[in-house]
């Protein structure tokens, strides 16, 4: 935490609860998440096992799955370690894989469709992933894929958490309609590069 105040002063950021939030310049706010070469996703030093970005999204339609996989392919080609939980066949479970993915996550990519963050009753879901990232002070890279931000899932608990963590003024990537996965991946790459910078002396 020693260098957190200097990060906030340099980038104009602020902290909401446990989430690192960076205030976008007003004239650039609507253009999406565009961090500079020294991205503002810096975070306090994390444990050694944290080494990848975890894809957090609703896997309830082929369109969403295909889009997230397209983004992941570009990031893979650039050498960015990305975890997208997938079962290996009958009898396999998302649970243990998601648990390990969160444990190793250095940051979270939140693919914000209109139902993102919903409480579905599943043990592991985007609601749980977002809560984990918030509670463990992991940088969150929101990708806005729906008209409303933060997303408003059907349940009140999911909406409440989204409004707390995914604030309206948080910097984010926008791709409403899911038509530009490569552009989105390039912006995530810039954020990842920023995370690799060593912390500044306190």
C-alpha atoms as a PDB file:
ATOM      1  CA  UNK A   1       0.000   0.000   0.000  1.00  0.00           C
ATOM      2  CA  UNK A   2       3.006   2.280   0.305  1.00  0.00           C
ATOM      3  CA  UNK A   3       2.819   3.540  -3.257  1.00  0.00           C
ATOM      4  CA  UNK A   4      -0.978   3.687  -3.585  1.00  0.00           C
ATOM      5  CA  UNK A   5      -1.354   7.383  -2.782  1.00  0.00           C
ATOM      6  CA  UNK A   6       1.298   8.312  -5.349  1.00  0.00           C
ATOM      7  CA  UNK A   7      -0.547   6.226  -7.951  1.00  0.00           C
ATOM      8  CA  UNK A   8      -3.786   8.017  -7.209  1.00  0.00           C
ATOM      9  CA  UNK A   9      -2.096  11.445  -7.368  1.00  0.00           C
ATOM     10  CA  UNK A  10      -0.377  10.637 -10.661  1.00  0.00           C
ATOM     11  CA  UNK A  11      -3.416   9.284 -12.444  1.00  0.00           C
ATOM     12  CA  UNK A  12      -6.214  11.205 -10.778  1.00  0.00           C
ATOM     13  CA  UNK A  13      -7.652   8.034  -9.306  1.00  0.00           C
ATOM     14  CA  UNK A  14      -9.557   7.271  -6.163  1.00  0.00           C
ATOM     15  CA  UNK A  15     -10.489   4.233  -4.136  1.00  0.00           C
ATOM     16  CA  UNK A  16     -14.044   3.029  -3.679  1.00  0.00           C
ATOM     17  CA  UNK A  17     -14.123   0.421  -0.924  1.00  0.00           C
ATOM     18  CA  UNK A  18     -11.496  -2.142  -1.881  1.00  0.00           C
ATOM     19  CA  UNK A  19     -11.661  -1.515  -5.635  1.00  0.00           C
ATOM     20  CA  UNK A  20      -9.002   0.483  -7.452  1.00  0.00           C
ATOM     21  CA  UNK A  21     -10.906   3.029  -9.544  1.00  0.00           C
ATOM     22  CA  UNK A  22      -9.295   5.517 -11.910  1.00  0.00           C
ATOM     23  CA  UNK A  23     -11.174   8.669 -12.837  1.00  0.00           C
ATOM     24  CA  UNK A  24     -11.211   9.212 -16.600  1.00  0.00           C
ATOM     25  CA  UNK A  25     -10.788  12.736 -17.970  1.00  0.00           C
ATOM     26  CA  UNK A  26     -14.282  14.047 -18.714  1.00  0.00           C
ATOM     27  CA  UNK A  27     -13.700  14.551 -22.422  1.00  0.00           C
ATOM     28  CA  UNK A  28     -12.460  10.976 -22.845  1.00  0.00           C
ATOM     29  CA  UNK A  29     -15.012   9.210 -20.653  1.00  0.00           C
ATOM     30  CA  UNK A  30     -17.364   8.104 -23.394  1.00  0.00           C
ATOM     31  CA  UNK A  31     -14.642   6.758 -25.670  1.00  0.00           C
ATOM     32  CA  UNK A  32     -14.021   3.635 -23.611  1.00  0.00           C
ATOM     33  CA  UNK A  33     -11.141   2.396 -21.524  1.00  0.00           C
ATOM     34  CA  UNK A  34      -7.927   3.797 -22.995  1.00  0.00           C
ATOM     35  CA  UNK A  35      -5.042   3.588 -20.509  1.00  0.00           C
ATOM     36  CA  UNK A  36      -1.752   5.135 -21.544  1.00  0.00           C
ATOM     37  CA  UNK A  37       1.532   3.231 -21.734  1.00  0.00           C
ATOM     38  CA  UNK A  38       1.830   3.439 -17.951  1.00  0.00           C
ATOM     39  CA  UNK A  39      -1.696   2.178 -17.269  1.00  0.00           C
ATOM     40  CA  UNK A  40      -3.379   3.159 -14.033  1.00  0.00           C
ATOM     41  CA  UNK A  41      -4.252  -0.370 -13.021  1.00  0.00           C
ATOM     42  CA  UNK A  42      -1.325  -0.494 -10.614  1.00  0.00           C
ATOM     43  CA  UNK A  43      -2.169  -2.278  -7.387  1.00  0.00           C
ATOM     44  CA  UNK A  44      -0.435  -3.133  -4.103  1.00  0.00           C
ATOM     45  CA  UNK A  45       2.080  -5.953  -4.415  1.00  0.00           C
ATOM     46  CA  UNK A  46       0.229  -9.249  -4.842  1.00  0.00           C
ATOM     47  CA  UNK A  47       1.195 -12.776  -3.705  1.00  0.00           C
ATOM     48  CA  UNK A  48       3.506 -14.687  -6.028  1.00  0.00           C
ATOM     49  CA  UNK A  49       0.822 -17.093  -7.250  1.00  0.00           C
ATOM     50  CA  UNK A  50      -1.128 -14.251  -8.874  1.00  0.00           C
ATOM     51  CA  UNK A  51       0.022 -14.299 -12.473  1.00  0.00           C
ATOM     52  CA  UNK A  52      -2.870 -14.211 -14.947  1.00  0.00           C
ATOM     53  CA  UNK A  53      -5.992 -12.289 -15.954  1.00  0.00           C
ATOM     54  CA  UNK A  54      -9.228 -14.153 -15.298  1.00  0.00           C
ATOM     55  CA  UNK A  55     -12.061 -13.851 -17.799  1.00  0.00           C
ATOM     56  CA  UNK A  56     -15.305 -13.258 -15.914  1.00  0.00           C
ATOM     57  CA  UNK A  57     -18.455 -13.449 -18.004  1.00  0.00           C
ATOM     58  CA  UNK A  58     -21.782 -15.193 -18.443  1.00  0.00           C
ATOM     59  CA  UNK A  59     -21.326 -18.421 -20.422  1.00  0.00           C
ATOM     60  CA  UNK A  60     -25.047 -18.740 -21.138  1.00  0.00           C
ATOM     61  CA  UNK A  61     -25.031 -18.125 -24.899  1.00  0.00           C
ATOM     62  CA  UNK A  62     -22.859 -19.157 -27.814  1.00  0.00           C
ATOM     63  CA  UNK A  63     -22.527 -15.526 -28.905  1.00  0.00           C
ATOM     64  CA  UNK A  64     -20.995 -14.501 -25.588  1.00  0.00           C
ATOM     65  CA  UNK A  65     -18.693 -17.517 -25.506  1.00  0.00           C
ATOM     66  CA  UNK A  66     -17.476 -16.917 -29.051  1.00  0.00           C
ATOM     67  CA  UNK A  67     -16.776 -13.258 -28.328  1.00  0.00           C
ATOM     68  CA  UNK A  68     -14.793 -13.939 -25.158  1.00  0.00           C
ATOM     69  CA  UNK A  69     -12.824 -16.678 -26.904  1.00  0.00           C
ATOM     70  CA  UNK A  70     -11.990 -14.267 -29.737  1.00  0.00           C
ATOM     71  CA  UNK A  71     -10.620 -11.737 -27.254  1.00  0.00           C
ATOM     72  CA  UNK A  72      -8.650 -14.480 -25.509  1.00  0.00           C
ATOM     73  CA  UNK A  73      -7.098 -15.687 -28.797  1.00  0.00           C
ATOM     74  CA  UNK A  74      -5.660 -12.231 -29.485  1.00  0.00           C
ATOM     75  CA  UNK A  75      -4.313 -11.945 -25.946  1.00  0.00           C
ATOM     76  CA  UNK A  76      -2.821 -15.446 -26.178  1.00  0.00           C
ATOM     77  CA  UNK A  77      -1.034 -14.454 -29.384  1.00  0.00           C
ATOM     78  CA  UNK A  78       0.501 -11.497 -27.532  1.00  0.00           C
ATOM     79  CA  UNK A  79       1.736 -13.670 -24.689  1.00  0.00           C
ATOM     80  CA  UNK A  80      -0.744 -12.400 -22.093  1.00  0.00           C
ATOM     81  CA  UNK A  81      -1.558 -15.149 -19.568  1.00  0.00           C
ATOM     82  CA  UNK A  82      -5.362 -15.381 -19.599  1.00  0.00           C
ATOM     83  CA  UNK A  83      -7.516 -17.913 -17.797  1.00  0.00           C
ATOM     84  CA  UNK A  84     -10.946 -18.774 -19.194  1.00  0.00           C
ATOM     85  CA  UNK A  85     -12.530 -21.577 -17.207  1.00  0.00           C
ATOM     86  CA  UNK A  86     -13.740 -24.455 -19.373  1.00  0.00           C
ATOM     87  CA  UNK A  87     -14.815 -27.934 -18.384  1.00  0.00           C
ATOM     88  CA  UNK A  88     -12.925 -30.868 -19.884  1.00  0.00           C
ATOM     89  CA  UNK A  89     -15.950 -33.089 -20.346  1.00  0.00           C
ATOM     90  CA  UNK A  90     -18.645 -35.017 -18.468  1.00  0.00           C
ATOM     91  CA  UNK A  91     -18.064 -35.206 -14.732  1.00  0.00           C
ATOM     92  CA  UNK A  92     -15.855 -32.101 -14.701  1.00  0.00           C
ATOM     93  CA  UNK A  93     -16.916 -29.058 -12.713  1.00  0.00           C
ATOM     94  CA  UNK A  94     -16.566 -25.313 -13.118  1.00  0.00           C
ATOM     95  CA  UNK A  95     -16.215 -25.017  -9.345  1.00  0.00           C
ATOM     96  CA  UNK A  96     -12.679 -26.217  -8.688  1.00  0.00           C
ATOM     97  CA  UNK A  97     -11.395 -24.638 -11.900  1.00  0.00           C
ATOM     98  CA  UNK A  98     -12.936 -21.268 -11.040  1.00  0.00           C
ATOM     99  CA  UNK A  99     -11.550 -21.443  -7.518  1.00  0.00           C
ATOM    100  CA  UNK A 100      -8.038 -22.034  -8.856  1.00  0.00           C
ATOM    101  CA  UNK A 101      -8.493 -19.344 -11.513  1.00  0.00           C
ATOM    102  CA  UNK A 102      -9.433 -16.776  -8.867  1.00  0.00           C
ATOM    103  CA  UNK A 103      -6.585 -17.834  -6.569  1.00  0.00           C
ATOM    104  CA  UNK A 104      -4.076 -17.239  -9.378  1.00  0.00           C
ATOM    105  CA  UNK A 105      -5.684 -14.065 -10.745  1.00  0.00           C
ATOM    106  CA  UNK A 106      -3.671 -10.874 -10.879  1.00  0.00           C
ATOM    107  CA  UNK A 107      -6.662  -9.066 -12.339  1.00  0.00           C
ATOM    108  CA  UNK A 108     -10.202  -9.635 -13.585  1.00  0.00           C
ATOM    109  CA  UNK A 109     -11.617  -8.927 -17.044  1.00  0.00           C
ATOM    110  CA  UNK A 110     -15.329  -8.328 -16.485  1.00  0.00           C
ATOM    111  CA  UNK A 111     -17.316  -8.856 -19.689  1.00  0.00           C
ATOM    112  CA  UNK A 112     -20.324  -6.763 -18.738  1.00  0.00           C
ATOM    113  CA  UNK A 113     -23.387  -8.053 -20.545  1.00  0.00           C
ATOM    114  CA  UNK A 114     -26.803  -7.008 -19.247  1.00  0.00           C
ATOM    115  CA  UNK A 115     -26.969 -10.045 -16.942  1.00  0.00           C
ATOM    116  CA  UNK A 116     -23.405  -9.767 -15.609  1.00  0.00           C
ATOM    117  CA  UNK A 117     -23.128 -10.100 -11.845  1.00  0.00           C
ATOM    118  CA  UNK A 118     -26.466 -11.866 -11.415  1.00  0.00           C
ATOM    119  CA  UNK A 119     -27.072 -14.152  -8.459  1.00  0.00           C
ATOM    120  CA  UNK A 120     -28.097 -17.368 -10.192  1.00  0.00           C
ATOM    121  CA  UNK A 121     -27.844 -19.846  -7.353  1.00  0.00           C
ATOM    122  CA  UNK A 122     -24.739 -21.469  -8.792  1.00  0.00           C
ATOM    123  CA  UNK A 123     -21.818 -21.854  -6.411  1.00  0.00           C
ATOM    124  CA  UNK A 124     -19.472 -20.112  -8.824  1.00  0.00           C
ATOM    125  CA  UNK A 125     -20.833 -17.284 -10.943  1.00  0.00           C
ATOM    126  CA  UNK A 126     -19.931 -13.757 -12.035  1.00  0.00           C
ATOM    127  CA  UNK A 127     -21.420 -12.374  -8.811  1.00  0.00           C
ATOM    128  CA  UNK A 128     -18.918 -14.426  -6.795  1.00  0.00           C
ATOM    129  CA  UNK A 129     -16.013 -13.605  -9.116  1.00  0.00           C
ATOM    130  CA  UNK A 130     -16.664  -9.865  -8.918  1.00  0.00           C
ATOM    131  CA  UNK A 131     -17.029  -9.993  -5.152  1.00  0.00           C
ATOM    132  CA  UNK A 132     -13.746 -11.921  -4.836  1.00  0.00           C
ATOM    133  CA  UNK A 133     -11.874  -9.390  -6.973  1.00  0.00           C
ATOM    134  CA  UNK A 134     -13.325  -6.490  -4.983  1.00  0.00           C
ATOM    135  CA  UNK A 135     -12.555  -8.033  -1.598  1.00  0.00           C
ATOM    136  CA  UNK A 136      -9.007  -8.989  -2.605  1.00  0.00           C
ATOM    137  CA  UNK A 137      -8.229  -5.591  -4.181  1.00  0.00           C
ATOM    138  CA  UNK A 138      -7.615  -7.032  -7.639  1.00  0.00           C
ATOM    139  CA  UNK A 139      -7.656  -4.628 -10.588  1.00  0.00           C
ATOM    140  CA  UNK A 140     -10.877  -4.983 -12.576  1.00  0.00           C
ATOM    141  CA  UNK A 141     -10.944  -4.273 -16.320  1.00  0.00           C
ATOM    142  CA  UNK A 142     -14.604  -3.759 -17.276  1.00  0.00           C
ATOM    143  CA  UNK A 143     -15.676  -4.370 -20.882  1.00  0.00           C
ATOM    144  CA  UNK A 144     -19.086  -2.774 -21.445  1.00  0.00           C
ATOM    145  CA  UNK A 145     -21.083  -4.907 -23.868  1.00  0.00           C
ATOM    146  CA  UNK A 146     -24.591  -3.675 -23.027  1.00  0.00           C
ATOM    147  CA  UNK A 147     -26.306  -0.285 -23.188  1.00  0.00           C
ATOM    148  CA  UNK A 148     -26.644   0.158 -19.426  1.00  0.00           C
ATOM    149  CA  UNK A 149     -23.624   0.486 -17.169  1.00  0.00           C
ATOM    150  CA  UNK A 150     -23.214  -0.803 -14.593  1.00  0.00           C
ATOM    151  CA  UNK A 151     -25.169  -3.859 -15.742  1.00  0.00           C
ATOM    152  CA  UNK A 152     -28.576  -4.385 -14.160  1.00  0.00           C
ATOM    153  CA  UNK A 153     -29.270  -8.116 -13.771  1.00  0.00           C
ATOM    154  CA  UNK A 154     -32.741  -9.202 -12.644  1.00  0.00           C
ATOM    155  CA  UNK A 155     -31.892  -9.663  -8.955  1.00  0.00           C
ATOM    156  CA  UNK A 156     -31.444  -6.773  -6.546  1.00  0.00           C
ATOM    157  CA  UNK A 157     -28.357  -8.246  -4.862  1.00  0.00           C
ATOM    158  CA  UNK A 158     -26.530  -8.449  -8.194  1.00  0.00           C
ATOM    159  CA  UNK A 159     -27.535  -4.895  -9.143  1.00  0.00           C
ATOM    160  CA  UNK A 160     -26.413  -3.581  -5.763  1.00  0.00           C
ATOM    161  CA  UNK A 161     -22.954  -5.124  -6.019  1.00  0.00           C
ATOM    162  CA  UNK A 162     -22.523  -3.921  -9.613  1.00  0.00           C
ATOM    163  CA  UNK A 163     -23.366  -0.368  -8.573  1.00  0.00           C
ATOM    164  CA  UNK A 164     -20.841  -0.551  -5.735  1.00  0.00           C
ATOM    165  CA  UNK A 165     -17.944  -2.091  -7.676  1.00  0.00           C
ATOM    166  CA  UNK A 166     -18.573  -1.107 -11.312  1.00  0.00           C
ATOM    167  CA  UNK A 167     -19.138   2.594 -10.780  1.00  0.00           C
ATOM    168  CA  UNK A 168     -20.503   4.695 -13.640  1.00  0.00           C
ATOM    169  CA  UNK A 169     -17.336   6.802 -13.701  1.00  0.00           C
ATOM    170  CA  UNK A 170     -14.875   3.885 -13.786  1.00  0.00           C
ATOM    171  CA  UNK A 171     -12.701   3.728 -16.907  1.00  0.00           C
ATOM    172  CA  UNK A 172     -13.861   0.935 -19.163  1.00  0.00           C
ATOM    173  CA  UNK A 173     -13.611  -0.542 -22.630  1.00  0.00           C
ATOM    174  CA  UNK A 174     -16.798  -0.286 -24.659  1.00  0.00           C
ATOM    175  CA  UNK A 175     -17.929  -2.645 -27.401  1.00  0.00           C
ATOM    176  CA  UNK A 176     -21.707  -2.589 -27.354  1.00  0.00           C
ATOM    177  CA  UNK A 177     -22.868  -5.169 -29.860  1.00  0.00           C
ATOM    178  CA  UNK A 178     -19.712  -7.282 -29.449  1.00  0.00           C
ATOM    179  CA  UNK A 179     -18.348  -6.407 -32.881  1.00  0.00           C
ATOM    180  CA  UNK A 180     -14.682  -5.528 -32.217  1.00  0.00           C
ATOM    181  CA  UNK A 181     -13.008  -8.218 -30.112  1.00  0.00           C
ATOM    182  CA  UNK A 182      -9.545  -7.460 -31.514  1.00  0.00           C
ATOM    183  CA  UNK A 183      -9.740  -3.774 -30.550  1.00  0.00           C
ATOM    184  CA  UNK A 184     -10.916  -4.769 -27.076  1.00  0.00           C
ATOM    185  CA  UNK A 185      -8.030  -7.222 -26.724  1.00  0.00           C
ATOM    186  CA  UNK A 186      -5.492  -4.516 -27.692  1.00  0.00           C
ATOM    187  CA  UNK A 187      -6.801  -2.256 -24.936  1.00  0.00           C
ATOM    188  CA  UNK A 188      -6.642  -5.092 -22.408  1.00  0.00           C
ATOM    189  CA  UNK A 189      -3.051  -5.713 -23.551  1.00  0.00           C
ATOM    190  CA  UNK A 190      -2.136  -2.116 -22.717  1.00  0.00           C
ATOM    191  CA  UNK A 191      -3.665  -2.501 -19.273  1.00  0.00           C
ATOM    192  CA  UNK A 192      -1.754  -5.760 -18.733  1.00  0.00           C
ATOM    193  CA  UNK A 193       1.508  -4.086 -19.716  1.00  0.00           C
ATOM    194  CA  UNK A 194       0.798  -1.416 -17.108  1.00  0.00           C
ATOM    195  CA  UNK A 195       0.389  -4.071 -14.449  1.00  0.00           C
ATOM    196  CA  UNK A 196       3.897  -5.359 -15.177  1.00  0.00           C
ATOM    197  CA  UNK A 197       5.548  -2.082 -14.206  1.00  0.00           C
ATOM    198  CA  UNK A 198       7.397  -2.263 -10.861  1.00  0.00           C
ATOM    199  CA  UNK A 199       5.797  -0.283  -8.026  1.00  0.00           C
ATOM    200  CA  UNK A 200       7.183   3.188  -7.424  1.00  0.00           C
ATOM    201  CA  UNK A 201       9.045   3.864  -4.171  1.00  0.00           C
ATOM    202  CA  UNK A 202       6.648   5.066  -1.482  1.00  0.00           C
END
